[in-house]
Structure formats: C-alpha cells, structure tokens
C-alpha cells in the first residue's frame, strides 16, 4: 500500500488538493493507496506523542496509514524556506523502526518559483537519517496558485503530466 501524506495541518490547503489529485492517479493505475492529511493529527501532538504517551487517536492513525504502508508520497508545502514544522513533529513522534527501509517519494509545493526544492533537500537528509529510501525524482510544483481552477482542480497540462509521471515512477519504485 502507498500512503500519500498531505504534510500540512492548514485547513483547505493547496497541498491537500494536490495530494487528492495524486491519490486519484494512483487509483487509476489500480494501486491501493490511502490519503493521510495532517489536518487529522491530534492537536497536542507536540506535547504528548513525542514522549511515548501514545494517544488512542494517534495510534489509530499510525495503524491505518503508517505501519501498513510500504511506500509514502510526501506532498510537502514550503514553509519559511523549508518544510512545515508539523512534519518534523510527526517524524519525531514516530519511532524510526516503524519506517526504516520504507520507500518515500517527495512532491514539493510552493506559490513561488522553486517548488520547495530546499525543503525537499532538508527533508531528504532527515529521511535518510531515519533509514528511509528517498526516490531521486523529487517533483517541485511551483506557482501552485496559478495551476488550479477555482474548485481546486489541476488545470495546467504540463503539471498534470509531470505528476502522472511521478506517480508512475512511485508505483514502479
């Protein structure tokens, strides 16, 4: 199973819209995939989950989206020139043994020009440290606001094709 993670807890984010689009692409290929949005994380994750006081809610999220996954796609928005702090908190709250050896693909999202390249590089170092295997094709999605219509659907054909290729790479990885 592949878990696609929308790596922000910001409500109604463009990151979540792209993650939903990605799930649809995987399902079209007949791949079993689940969408995990950080909007669903416990609000006190930074204060409880980090110190082995595992809440029932957090454990259910791990059991559904993290533990059974063989691969992950992290859809990562740019926050302050890197990735969101909630993603680092999440990684700190999950014991490294759970994900060691699993494969990860990264898709960066930004309203600017670089598609969160720097954030994906920062995240790659952390994921490698945790023993995860990061796919070399890190897809930057730039100027995200101009790529979607008013309903949040992808409208840019070039970006749609790039995401489709990325999804095919993930499936064969």
N, C-alpha and C. Protein backbone atom coordinates (compact mmCIF):
# COMPACT_ATOMS: atom_id res chain seq x y z
N UNK A 1 0.83 -1.17 0.00
CA UNK A 1 0.00 0.00 0.00
C UNK A 1 0.89 1.25 0.00
N UNK A 2 0.42 2.28 -0.68
CA UNK A 2 1.09 3.57 -0.71
C UNK A 2 0.24 4.56 0.08
N UNK A 3 0.88 5.27 1.00
CA UNK A 3 0.20 6.33 1.73
C UNK A 3 0.69 7.66 1.19
N UNK A 4 -0.25 8.47 0.73
CA UNK A 4 0.04 9.84 0.28
C UNK A 4 -0.26 10.74 1.46
N UNK A 5 0.74 11.54 1.87
CA UNK A 5 0.59 12.38 3.04
C UNK A 5 0.57 13.85 2.64
N UNK A 6 -0.49 14.53 3.00
CA UNK A 6 -0.57 15.98 2.87
C UNK A 6 0.09 16.54 4.12
N UNK A 7 1.31 17.06 3.97
CA UNK A 7 2.19 17.39 5.10
C UNK A 7 1.98 18.78 5.67
N UNK A 8 0.74 19.20 5.78
CA UNK A 8 0.41 20.44 6.49
C UNK A 8 -0.90 20.23 7.24
N UNK A 9 -1.00 20.89 8.37
CA UNK A 9 -2.27 20.83 9.11
C UNK A 9 -3.11 22.07 8.84
N UNK A 10 -2.72 22.87 7.86
CA UNK A 10 -3.50 24.05 7.46
C UNK A 10 -4.78 23.57 6.77
N UNK A 11 -5.91 24.08 7.19
CA UNK A 11 -7.20 23.66 6.63
C UNK A 11 -7.33 24.10 5.17
N UNK A 12 -7.94 23.24 4.37
CA UNK A 12 -8.25 23.53 2.95
C UNK A 12 -7.03 23.98 2.15
N UNK A 13 -5.92 23.34 2.37
CA UNK A 13 -4.67 23.76 1.73
C UNK A 13 -4.58 23.28 0.27
N UNK A 14 -3.78 23.98 -0.50
CA UNK A 14 -3.48 23.53 -1.86
C UNK A 14 -2.71 22.22 -1.84
N UNK A 15 -1.93 22.02 -0.80
CA UNK A 15 -1.19 20.76 -0.63
C UNK A 15 -2.16 19.59 -0.58
N UNK A 16 -3.23 19.73 0.18
CA UNK A 16 -4.22 18.66 0.26
C UNK A 16 -4.90 18.44 -1.08
N UNK A 17 -5.17 19.49 -1.82
CA UNK A 17 -5.78 19.36 -3.14
C UNK A 17 -4.88 18.57 -4.08
N UNK A 18 -3.60 18.85 -4.04
CA UNK A 18 -2.65 18.11 -4.89
C UNK A 18 -2.55 16.66 -4.42
N UNK A 19 -2.54 16.44 -3.12
CA UNK A 19 -2.49 15.06 -2.59
C UNK A 19 -3.72 14.26 -3.04
N UNK A 20 -4.88 14.89 -3.05
CA UNK A 20 -6.09 14.21 -3.51
C UNK A 20 -5.99 13.86 -5.00
N UNK A 21 -5.43 14.78 -5.78
CA UNK A 21 -5.21 14.53 -7.21
C UNK A 21 -4.26 13.33 -7.37
N UNK A 22 -3.23 13.29 -6.56
CA UNK A 22 -2.25 12.20 -6.63
C UNK A 22 -2.90 10.85 -6.31
N UNK A 23 -3.75 10.83 -5.30
CA UNK A 23 -4.47 9.59 -4.95
C UNK A 23 -5.30 9.10 -6.13
N UNK A 24 -5.99 10.02 -6.80
CA UNK A 24 -6.80 9.66 -7.96
C UNK A 24 -5.94 9.02 -9.04
N UNK A 25 -4.74 9.55 -9.27
CA UNK A 25 -3.84 8.98 -10.27
C UNK A 25 -3.42 7.56 -9.90
N UNK A 26 -3.11 7.36 -8.63
CA UNK A 26 -2.72 6.02 -8.19
C UNK A 26 -3.87 5.04 -8.33
N UNK A 27 -5.06 5.47 -7.96
CA UNK A 27 -6.23 4.60 -8.06
C UNK A 27 -6.53 4.24 -9.52
N UNK A 28 -6.31 5.20 -10.45
CA UNK A 28 -6.50 4.90 -11.88
C UNK A 28 -5.56 3.80 -12.33
N UNK A 29 -4.38 3.72 -11.70
CA UNK A 29 -3.41 2.68 -12.04
C UNK A 29 -3.70 1.36 -11.31
N UNK A 30 -4.77 1.34 -10.53
CA UNK A 30 -5.14 0.13 -9.80
C UNK A 30 -4.29 -0.11 -8.56
N UNK A 31 -3.67 0.93 -8.04
CA UNK A 31 -2.80 0.81 -6.88
C UNK A 31 -3.60 1.10 -5.62
N UNK A 32 -3.38 0.27 -4.60
CA UNK A 32 -4.02 0.50 -3.31
C UNK A 32 -3.29 1.66 -2.64
N UNK A 33 -4.03 2.73 -2.37
CA UNK A 33 -3.44 3.93 -1.78
C UNK A 33 -4.42 4.56 -0.81
N UNK A 34 -3.86 5.24 0.19
CA UNK A 34 -4.66 5.96 1.18
C UNK A 34 -4.12 7.37 1.32
N UNK A 35 -5.02 8.29 1.62
CA UNK A 35 -4.65 9.68 1.83
C UNK A 35 -4.65 9.97 3.32
N UNK A 36 -3.52 10.48 3.80
CA UNK A 36 -3.37 10.87 5.20
C UNK A 36 -3.11 12.37 5.23
N UNK A 37 -4.04 13.11 5.80
CA UNK A 37 -3.89 14.55 5.93
C UNK A 37 -3.48 14.90 7.35
N UNK A 38 -2.47 15.76 7.47
CA UNK A 38 -2.04 16.19 8.79
C UNK A 38 -3.10 17.04 9.49
N UNK A 39 -4.18 17.40 8.80
CA UNK A 39 -5.31 18.04 9.47
C UNK A 39 -5.90 17.09 10.52
N UNK A 40 -5.68 15.78 10.35
CA UNK A 40 -6.25 14.77 11.25
C UNK A 40 -5.36 14.45 12.45
N UNK A 41 -4.17 15.05 12.51
CA UNK A 41 -3.29 14.78 13.65
C UNK A 41 -3.88 15.35 14.94
N UNK A 42 -3.58 14.72 16.07
CA UNK A 42 -4.02 15.29 17.35
C UNK A 42 -3.45 16.69 17.54
N UNK A 43 -4.24 17.59 18.06
CA UNK A 43 -3.81 18.98 18.22
C UNK A 43 -2.68 19.13 19.22
N UNK A 44 -2.53 18.18 20.13
CA UNK A 44 -1.47 18.27 21.14
C UNK A 44 -0.30 17.35 20.82
N UNK A 45 -0.11 17.02 19.55
CA UNK A 45 0.94 16.06 19.15
C UNK A 45 2.32 16.47 19.67
N UNK A 46 2.63 17.74 19.65
CA UNK A 46 3.96 18.19 20.07
C UNK A 46 4.19 18.01 21.57
N UNK A 47 3.13 17.88 22.34
CA UNK A 47 3.29 17.81 23.78
C UNK A 47 3.03 16.41 24.35
N UNK A 48 2.31 15.58 23.63
CA UNK A 48 2.02 14.26 24.16
C UNK A 48 2.68 13.13 23.38
N UNK A 49 2.57 13.13 22.09
CA UNK A 49 3.00 11.99 21.30
C UNK A 49 4.52 11.83 21.25
N UNK A 50 5.26 12.90 21.47
CA UNK A 50 6.72 12.84 21.37
C UNK A 50 7.37 12.05 22.49
N UNK A 51 6.68 11.91 23.59
CA UNK A 51 7.32 11.32 24.75
C UNK A 51 6.65 10.01 25.15
N UNK A 52 6.29 9.25 24.13
CA UNK A 52 5.73 7.90 24.30
C UNK A 52 4.45 7.84 25.10
N UNK A 53 3.71 8.92 25.18
CA UNK A 53 2.37 8.91 25.76
C UNK A 53 1.40 8.79 24.58
N UNK A 54 1.39 7.69 23.94
CA UNK A 54 0.65 7.47 22.71
C UNK A 54 -0.85 7.57 22.97
N UNK A 55 -1.51 8.52 22.32
CA UNK A 55 -2.95 8.63 22.43
C UNK A 55 -3.60 7.58 21.53
N UNK A 56 -4.81 7.24 21.85
CA UNK A 56 -5.54 6.26 21.04
C UNK A 56 -5.73 6.78 19.62
N UNK A 57 -6.04 8.07 19.48
CA UNK A 57 -6.24 8.69 18.18
C UNK A 57 -4.98 8.59 17.31
N UNK A 58 -3.83 8.93 17.89
CA UNK A 58 -2.58 8.90 17.14
C UNK A 58 -2.22 7.46 16.77
N UNK A 59 -2.41 6.53 17.68
CA UNK A 59 -2.11 5.13 17.39
C UNK A 59 -2.99 4.61 16.27
N UNK A 60 -4.26 5.02 16.22
CA UNK A 60 -5.14 4.62 15.13
C UNK A 60 -4.64 5.15 13.79
N UNK A 61 -4.16 6.40 13.78
CA UNK A 61 -3.60 6.96 12.55
C UNK A 61 -2.37 6.18 12.10
N UNK A 62 -1.51 5.82 13.04
CA UNK A 62 -0.34 5.01 12.70
C UNK A 62 -0.75 3.65 12.16
N UNK A 63 -1.73 3.03 12.80
CA UNK A 63 -2.18 1.69 12.38
C UNK A 63 -2.82 1.71 10.99
N UNK A 64 -3.49 2.80 10.66
CA UNK A 64 -4.18 2.87 9.37
C UNK A 64 -3.29 3.33 8.23
N UNK A 65 -2.45 4.34 8.48
CA UNK A 65 -1.74 5.00 7.39
C UNK A 65 -0.23 4.77 7.35
N UNK A 66 0.39 4.49 8.48
CA UNK A 66 1.85 4.44 8.53
C UNK A 66 2.39 3.02 8.59
N UNK A 67 1.97 2.27 9.56
CA UNK A 67 2.53 0.93 9.76
C UNK A 67 2.32 0.02 8.55
N UNK A 68 1.12 -0.05 7.94
CA UNK A 68 0.95 -0.97 6.81
C UNK A 68 1.53 -0.48 5.47
N UNK A 69 1.94 0.78 5.40
CA UNK A 69 2.43 1.33 4.13
C UNK A 69 3.79 0.76 3.78
N UNK A 70 3.96 0.40 2.50
CA UNK A 70 5.28 0.02 2.01
C UNK A 70 6.00 1.24 1.43
N UNK A 71 5.20 2.19 0.94
CA UNK A 71 5.75 3.40 0.33
C UNK A 71 4.93 4.60 0.79
N UNK A 72 5.60 5.75 0.75
CA UNK A 72 4.95 7.01 1.07
C UNK A 72 5.20 8.01 -0.05
N UNK A 73 4.23 8.88 -0.25
CA UNK A 73 4.42 10.08 -1.07
C UNK A 73 4.15 11.24 -0.13
N UNK A 74 5.18 12.02 0.13
CA UNK A 74 5.03 13.20 0.98
C UNK A 74 4.78 14.39 0.06
N UNK A 75 3.63 15.01 0.18
CA UNK A 75 3.31 16.23 -0.55
C UNK A 75 3.60 17.36 0.44
N UNK A 76 4.68 18.10 0.15
CA UNK A 76 5.28 18.97 1.15
C UNK A 76 5.25 20.44 0.72
N UNK A 77 4.48 21.26 1.42
CA UNK A 77 4.47 22.68 1.10
C UNK A 77 5.72 23.38 1.63
N UNK A 78 6.01 24.51 1.03
CA UNK A 78 7.14 25.31 1.51
C UNK A 78 6.66 26.22 2.64
N UNK A 79 7.32 26.10 3.76
CA UNK A 79 7.07 26.99 4.91
C UNK A 79 8.41 27.60 5.29
N UNK A 80 8.53 28.90 5.19
CA UNK A 80 9.73 29.61 5.61
C UNK A 80 11.00 29.02 5.00
N UNK A 81 10.96 28.71 3.72
CA UNK A 81 12.13 28.23 3.01
C UNK A 81 12.46 26.77 3.25
N UNK A 82 11.57 26.01 3.86
CA UNK A 82 11.82 24.60 4.12
C UNK A 82 10.48 23.86 4.15
N UNK A 83 10.32 22.94 5.07
CA UNK A 83 9.07 22.20 5.19
C UNK A 83 8.39 22.56 6.51
N UNK A 84 7.10 22.23 6.65
CA UNK A 84 6.35 22.61 7.85
C UNK A 84 6.88 21.94 9.12
N UNK A 85 6.83 22.69 10.20
CA UNK A 85 7.24 22.15 11.49
C UNK A 85 6.41 20.96 11.92
N UNK A 86 5.14 20.93 11.53
CA UNK A 86 4.27 19.80 11.90
C UNK A 86 4.81 18.49 11.31
N UNK A 87 5.46 18.57 10.16
CA UNK A 87 6.05 17.36 9.57
C UNK A 87 7.21 16.88 10.43
N UNK A 88 8.05 17.78 10.91
CA UNK A 88 9.16 17.39 11.78
C UNK A 88 8.63 16.81 13.09
N UNK A 89 7.60 17.43 13.65
CA UNK A 89 7.00 16.92 14.88
C UNK A 89 6.46 15.50 14.64
N UNK A 90 5.79 15.31 13.51
CA UNK A 90 5.25 13.98 13.19
C UNK A 90 6.38 12.95 13.10
N UNK A 91 7.45 13.29 12.37
CA UNK A 91 8.57 12.35 12.23
C UNK A 91 9.19 12.04 13.59
N UNK A 92 9.27 13.04 14.46
CA UNK A 92 9.81 12.83 15.80
C UNK A 92 8.90 11.95 16.65
N UNK A 93 7.61 11.97 16.38
CA UNK A 93 6.64 11.21 17.18
C UNK A 93 6.53 9.74 16.76
N UNK A 94 7.08 9.40 15.60
CA UNK A 94 7.01 8.02 15.10
C UNK A 94 8.37 7.36 15.32
N UNK A 95 8.37 6.23 15.99
CA UNK A 95 9.64 5.54 16.24
C UNK A 95 10.29 5.16 14.91
N UNK A 96 11.59 5.43 14.75
CA UNK A 96 12.25 5.16 13.46
C UNK A 96 12.15 3.72 12.97
N UNK A 97 12.05 2.76 13.87
CA UNK A 97 11.96 1.36 13.44
C UNK A 97 10.71 1.09 12.62
N UNK A 98 9.66 1.87 12.81
CA UNK A 98 8.41 1.66 12.09
C UNK A 98 8.60 1.87 10.59
N UNK A 99 9.44 2.84 10.20
CA UNK A 99 9.57 3.19 8.78
C UNK A 99 10.93 2.85 8.18
N UNK A 100 11.84 2.32 8.96
CA UNK A 100 13.17 2.01 8.45
C UNK A 100 13.07 1.06 7.25
N UNK A 101 13.70 1.44 6.16
CA UNK A 101 13.72 0.62 4.94
C UNK A 101 12.57 0.90 3.99
N UNK A 102 11.61 1.71 4.40
CA UNK A 102 10.48 2.02 3.51
C UNK A 102 10.89 3.06 2.47
N UNK A 103 10.16 3.07 1.38
CA UNK A 103 10.45 3.98 0.28
C UNK A 103 9.58 5.23 0.37
N UNK A 104 10.17 6.37 -0.03
CA UNK A 104 9.49 7.64 0.04
C UNK A 104 9.72 8.41 -1.26
N UNK A 105 8.67 9.01 -1.76
CA UNK A 105 8.79 9.95 -2.88
C UNK A 105 8.34 11.31 -2.37
N UNK A 106 8.95 12.36 -2.91
CA UNK A 106 8.65 13.72 -2.45
C UNK A 106 8.10 14.56 -3.59
N UNK A 107 7.07 15.33 -3.25
CA UNK A 107 6.50 16.29 -4.17
C UNK A 107 6.41 17.61 -3.40
N UNK A 108 7.16 18.61 -3.85
CA UNK A 108 7.19 19.90 -3.17
C UNK A 108 6.16 20.84 -3.76
N UNK A 109 5.57 21.68 -2.92
CA UNK A 109 4.53 22.61 -3.35
C UNK A 109 4.89 24.00 -2.85
N UNK A 110 4.83 24.98 -3.76
CA UNK A 110 5.03 26.36 -3.32
C UNK A 110 4.28 27.32 -4.23
N UNK A 111 3.99 28.47 -3.69
CA UNK A 111 3.38 29.52 -4.51
C UNK A 111 4.46 30.30 -5.24
N UNK A 112 5.71 30.08 -4.87
CA UNK A 112 6.84 30.74 -5.53
C UNK A 112 7.39 29.92 -6.68
N UNK A 113 8.65 30.19 -7.03
CA UNK A 113 9.24 29.60 -8.24
C UNK A 113 9.93 28.27 -8.04
N UNK A 114 10.37 27.94 -6.85
CA UNK A 114 11.25 26.78 -6.71
C UNK A 114 10.56 25.49 -6.33
N UNK A 115 9.26 25.51 -6.06
CA UNK A 115 8.55 24.27 -5.76
C UNK A 115 9.06 23.55 -4.53
N UNK A 116 9.58 24.31 -3.57
CA UNK A 116 10.10 23.78 -2.31
C UNK A 116 11.30 22.84 -2.49
N UNK A 117 12.15 23.15 -3.43
CA UNK A 117 13.36 22.34 -3.62
C UNK A 117 14.21 22.28 -2.35
N UNK A 118 14.41 23.42 -1.71
CA UNK A 118 15.24 23.46 -0.50
C UNK A 118 14.60 22.61 0.60
N UNK A 119 13.29 22.73 0.78
CA UNK A 119 12.61 21.93 1.79
C UNK A 119 12.72 20.44 1.52
N UNK A 120 12.62 20.06 0.25
CA UNK A 120 12.75 18.64 -0.09
C UNK A 120 14.18 18.15 0.19
N UNK A 121 15.18 19.00 -0.04
CA UNK A 121 16.56 18.63 0.29
C UNK A 121 16.72 18.46 1.80
N UNK A 122 16.19 19.39 2.58
CA UNK A 122 16.25 19.28 4.04
C UNK A 122 15.58 17.98 4.50
N UNK A 123 14.40 17.73 3.96
CA UNK A 123 13.64 16.54 4.35
C UNK A 123 14.36 15.26 3.93
N UNK A 124 15.00 15.26 2.78
CA UNK A 124 15.73 14.08 2.32
C UNK A 124 16.80 13.69 3.32
N UNK A 125 17.54 14.66 3.84
CA UNK A 125 18.57 14.36 4.83
C UNK A 125 17.99 13.70 6.07
N UNK A 126 16.86 14.19 6.54
CA UNK A 126 16.22 13.61 7.72
C UNK A 126 15.71 12.20 7.44
N UNK A 127 15.06 12.02 6.29
CA UNK A 127 14.52 10.70 5.95
C UNK A 127 15.64 9.69 5.77
N UNK A 128 16.75 10.09 5.14
CA UNK A 128 17.91 9.19 5.02
C UNK A 128 18.44 8.82 6.40
N UNK A 129 18.53 9.78 7.29
CA UNK A 129 18.99 9.52 8.65
C UNK A 129 18.09 8.49 9.34
N UNK A 130 16.79 8.56 9.05
CA UNK A 130 15.83 7.63 9.65
C UNK A 130 15.83 6.26 8.96
N UNK A 131 16.67 6.10 7.94
CA UNK A 131 16.80 4.80 7.27
C UNK A 131 15.78 4.58 6.18
N UNK A 132 15.17 5.63 5.69
CA UNK A 132 14.19 5.51 4.61
C UNK A 132 14.88 5.77 3.27
N UNK A 133 14.34 5.20 2.22
CA UNK A 133 14.92 5.33 0.88
C UNK A 133 14.11 6.36 0.09
N UNK A 134 14.76 7.46 -0.27
CA UNK A 134 14.08 8.55 -0.95
C UNK A 134 14.29 8.43 -2.46
N UNK A 135 13.18 8.44 -3.19
CA UNK A 135 13.22 8.36 -4.65
C UNK A 135 13.96 9.58 -5.20
N UNK A 136 14.83 9.37 -6.17
CA UNK A 136 15.62 10.50 -6.68
C UNK A 136 14.82 11.55 -7.46
N UNK A 137 13.65 11.19 -7.97
CA UNK A 137 12.84 12.16 -8.71
C UNK A 137 11.97 12.93 -7.73
N UNK A 138 12.50 14.05 -7.26
CA UNK A 138 11.75 14.93 -6.35
C UNK A 138 11.06 15.97 -7.22
N UNK A 139 9.75 15.97 -7.19
CA UNK A 139 8.98 16.82 -8.10
C UNK A 139 8.62 18.15 -7.45
N UNK A 140 9.18 19.26 -7.96
CA UNK A 140 8.77 20.57 -7.47
C UNK A 140 7.56 21.09 -8.24
N UNK A 141 6.52 21.47 -7.54
CA UNK A 141 5.34 22.07 -8.16
C UNK A 141 5.33 23.54 -7.75
N UNK A 142 5.68 24.40 -8.70
CA UNK A 142 5.83 25.83 -8.44
C UNK A 142 4.58 26.60 -8.84
N UNK A 143 4.47 27.82 -8.34
CA UNK A 143 3.36 28.72 -8.67
C UNK A 143 2.02 28.00 -8.59
N UNK A 144 1.82 27.29 -7.50
CA UNK A 144 0.67 26.41 -7.35
C UNK A 144 -0.67 27.14 -7.51
N UNK A 145 -0.72 28.40 -7.13
CA UNK A 145 -1.98 29.13 -7.21
C UNK A 145 -2.46 29.29 -8.65
N UNK A 146 -1.54 29.34 -9.59
CA UNK A 146 -1.92 29.51 -10.99
C UNK A 146 -2.20 28.18 -11.69
N UNK A 147 -1.97 27.07 -11.02
CA UNK A 147 -2.12 25.75 -11.64
C UNK A 147 -3.50 25.13 -11.44
N UNK A 148 -4.31 25.76 -10.57
CA UNK A 148 -5.60 25.17 -10.23
C UNK A 148 -6.73 26.12 -10.57
N UNK A 149 -7.89 25.52 -10.85
CA UNK A 149 -9.07 26.35 -11.10
C UNK A 149 -9.71 26.72 -9.76
N UNK A 150 -10.82 27.42 -9.82
CA UNK A 150 -11.50 27.92 -8.61
C UNK A 150 -11.95 26.79 -7.69
N UNK A 151 -12.19 25.59 -8.25
CA UNK A 151 -12.63 24.45 -7.45
C UNK A 151 -11.47 23.63 -6.90
N UNK A 152 -10.23 24.04 -7.20
CA UNK A 152 -9.06 23.32 -6.71
C UNK A 152 -8.61 22.18 -7.60
N UNK A 153 -9.14 22.11 -8.80
CA UNK A 153 -8.74 21.06 -9.74
C UNK A 153 -7.53 21.52 -10.53
N UNK A 154 -6.62 20.59 -10.80
CA UNK A 154 -5.45 20.91 -11.59
C UNK A 154 -5.89 21.28 -13.00
N UNK A 155 -5.37 22.38 -13.53
CA UNK A 155 -5.74 22.80 -14.87
C UNK A 155 -4.54 22.92 -15.80
N UNK A 156 -3.33 22.90 -15.26
CA UNK A 156 -2.13 23.05 -16.07
C UNK A 156 -1.69 21.68 -16.60
N UNK A 157 -1.76 21.50 -17.92
CA UNK A 157 -1.47 20.20 -18.53
C UNK A 157 -0.05 19.74 -18.27
N UNK A 158 0.92 20.65 -18.30
CA UNK A 158 2.31 20.27 -18.04
C UNK A 158 2.50 19.72 -16.64
N UNK A 159 1.87 20.36 -15.68
CA UNK A 159 1.97 19.90 -14.29
C UNK A 159 1.24 18.57 -14.12
N UNK A 160 0.10 18.44 -14.74
CA UNK A 160 -0.66 17.19 -14.67
C UNK A 160 0.20 16.04 -15.20
N UNK A 161 0.85 16.25 -16.33
CA UNK A 161 1.70 15.19 -16.92
C UNK A 161 2.89 14.88 -16.02
N UNK A 162 3.49 15.92 -15.42
CA UNK A 162 4.63 15.70 -14.52
C UNK A 162 4.21 14.88 -13.30
N UNK A 163 3.05 15.20 -12.74
CA UNK A 163 2.56 14.45 -11.58
C UNK A 163 2.21 13.02 -11.98
N UNK A 164 1.63 12.83 -13.16
CA UNK A 164 1.32 11.48 -13.64
C UNK A 164 2.60 10.65 -13.78
N UNK A 165 3.65 11.24 -14.35
CA UNK A 165 4.92 10.53 -14.50
C UNK A 165 5.49 10.20 -13.12
N UNK A 166 5.44 11.15 -12.21
CA UNK A 166 5.94 10.93 -10.86
C UNK A 166 5.20 9.75 -10.21
N UNK A 167 3.89 9.73 -10.35
CA UNK A 167 3.09 8.64 -9.77
C UNK A 167 3.46 7.30 -10.39
N UNK A 168 3.69 7.27 -11.70
CA UNK A 168 4.11 6.01 -12.34
C UNK A 168 5.48 5.57 -11.83
N UNK A 169 6.38 6.53 -11.63
CA UNK A 169 7.69 6.21 -11.06
C UNK A 169 7.56 5.63 -9.66
N UNK A 170 6.68 6.18 -8.87
CA UNK A 170 6.48 5.71 -7.49
C UNK A 170 5.97 4.27 -7.50
N UNK A 171 5.04 3.98 -8.37
CA UNK A 171 4.49 2.63 -8.43
C UNK A 171 5.57 1.61 -8.79
N UNK A 172 6.45 1.96 -9.70
CA UNK A 172 7.48 1.01 -10.12
C UNK A 172 8.73 1.03 -9.23
N UNK A 173 8.80 1.95 -8.29
CA UNK A 173 9.95 2.11 -7.40
C UNK A 173 10.00 1.04 -6.35
